[in-house]
Amino acid sequence: MNWQQILSLIIVAAAAAALARGAWRRRKFRFDRDTHCGCAATGTAHNQSSIVFHARKGERPRVVVKMK
């Protein structure tokens, strides 16, 4: 093996170790990532609405809001 193959194997091993560490490490709690909307008001009722953005090339973009 020459030095380029050894260096490439070290880089691959370091990347694999970093990915494995990230998979097993516990994440810190963050409101914007761990809750639905990121707001602190959790006592309010949860309505199931959705917003759909629709745009195609050459057409007028539109926004559809569905309230359930």
Protein backbone atom coordinates (compact mmCIF):
# COMPACT_ATOMS: atom_id res chain seq x y z
CA MET A 1 0.00 0.00 0.00
CA ASN A 2 1.29 3.44 -0.79
CA TRP A 3 0.73 6.60 1.24
CA GLN A 4 -2.30 7.72 -0.80
CA GLN A 5 -4.23 4.54 -0.08
CA ILE A 6 -3.39 4.77 3.62
CA LEU A 7 -4.49 8.41 3.73
CA SER A 8 -7.77 7.63 1.95
CA LEU A 9 -8.49 4.76 4.37
CA ILE A 10 -7.82 7.05 7.34
CA ILE A 11 -10.25 9.63 5.92
CA VAL A 12 -12.93 6.99 5.34
CA ALA A 13 -12.44 5.58 8.85
CA ALA A 14 -12.69 9.06 10.39
CA ALA A 15 -15.90 9.78 8.47
CA ALA A 16 -17.41 6.44 9.54
CA ALA A 17 -16.47 7.11 13.17
CA ALA A 18 -18.02 10.59 13.03
CA LEU A 19 -21.25 9.20 11.55
CA ALA A 20 -21.43 6.43 14.14
CA ARG A 21 -20.79 8.88 16.97
CA GLY A 22 -23.55 11.15 15.69
CA ALA A 23 -25.99 8.25 15.53
CA TRP A 24 -25.37 7.14 19.13
CA ARG A 25 -24.99 10.56 20.75
CA ARG A 26 -28.01 11.99 22.57
CA ARG A 27 -29.30 15.26 21.16
CA LYS A 28 -29.99 18.37 23.19
CA PHE A 29 -33.65 19.35 23.52
CA ARG A 30 -34.69 22.29 21.34
CA PHE A 31 -38.25 23.57 21.02
CA ASP A 32 -38.10 24.33 17.32
CA ARG A 33 -36.84 20.84 16.45
CA ASP A 34 -38.57 18.68 19.08
CA THR A 35 -42.04 20.22 19.10
CA HIS A 36 -44.46 20.73 16.25
CA CYS A 37 -44.32 24.49 15.92
CA GLY A 38 -41.53 25.60 18.23
CA CYS A 39 -43.73 27.82 20.33
CA ALA A 40 -43.93 27.63 24.11
CA ALA A 41 -47.74 27.62 24.28
CA THR A 42 -48.43 23.90 24.63
CA GLY A 43 -51.76 24.22 26.46
CA THR A 44 -53.71 25.40 23.44
CA ALA A 45 -55.84 23.10 21.32
CA HIS A 46 -54.11 21.47 18.40
CA ASN A 47 -55.91 22.25 15.15
CA GLN A 48 -54.94 20.21 12.13
CA SER A 49 -54.50 22.72 9.33
CA SER A 50 -52.11 22.61 6.43
CA ILE A 51 -50.61 25.04 3.98
CA VAL A 52 -49.78 23.91 0.45
CA PHE A 53 -47.51 25.96 -1.81
CA HIS A 54 -48.06 25.16 -5.48
CA ALA A 55 -45.96 26.65 -8.26
CA ARG A 56 -44.98 25.53 -11.73
CA LYS A 57 -42.78 27.13 -14.31
CA GLY A 58 -44.77 29.57 -16.43
CA GLU A 59 -47.84 29.44 -14.16
CA ARG A 60 -49.00 31.71 -11.40
CA PRO A 61 -47.99 30.45 -7.94
CA ARG A 62 -50.77 29.75 -5.44
CA VAL A 63 -51.06 29.06 -1.75
CA VAL A 64 -53.81 26.74 -0.49
CA VAL A 65 -54.73 26.80 3.22
CA LYS A 66 -56.76 23.81 4.40
CA MET A 67 -58.48 24.24 7.76
CA LYS A 68 -59.77 21.06 9.37
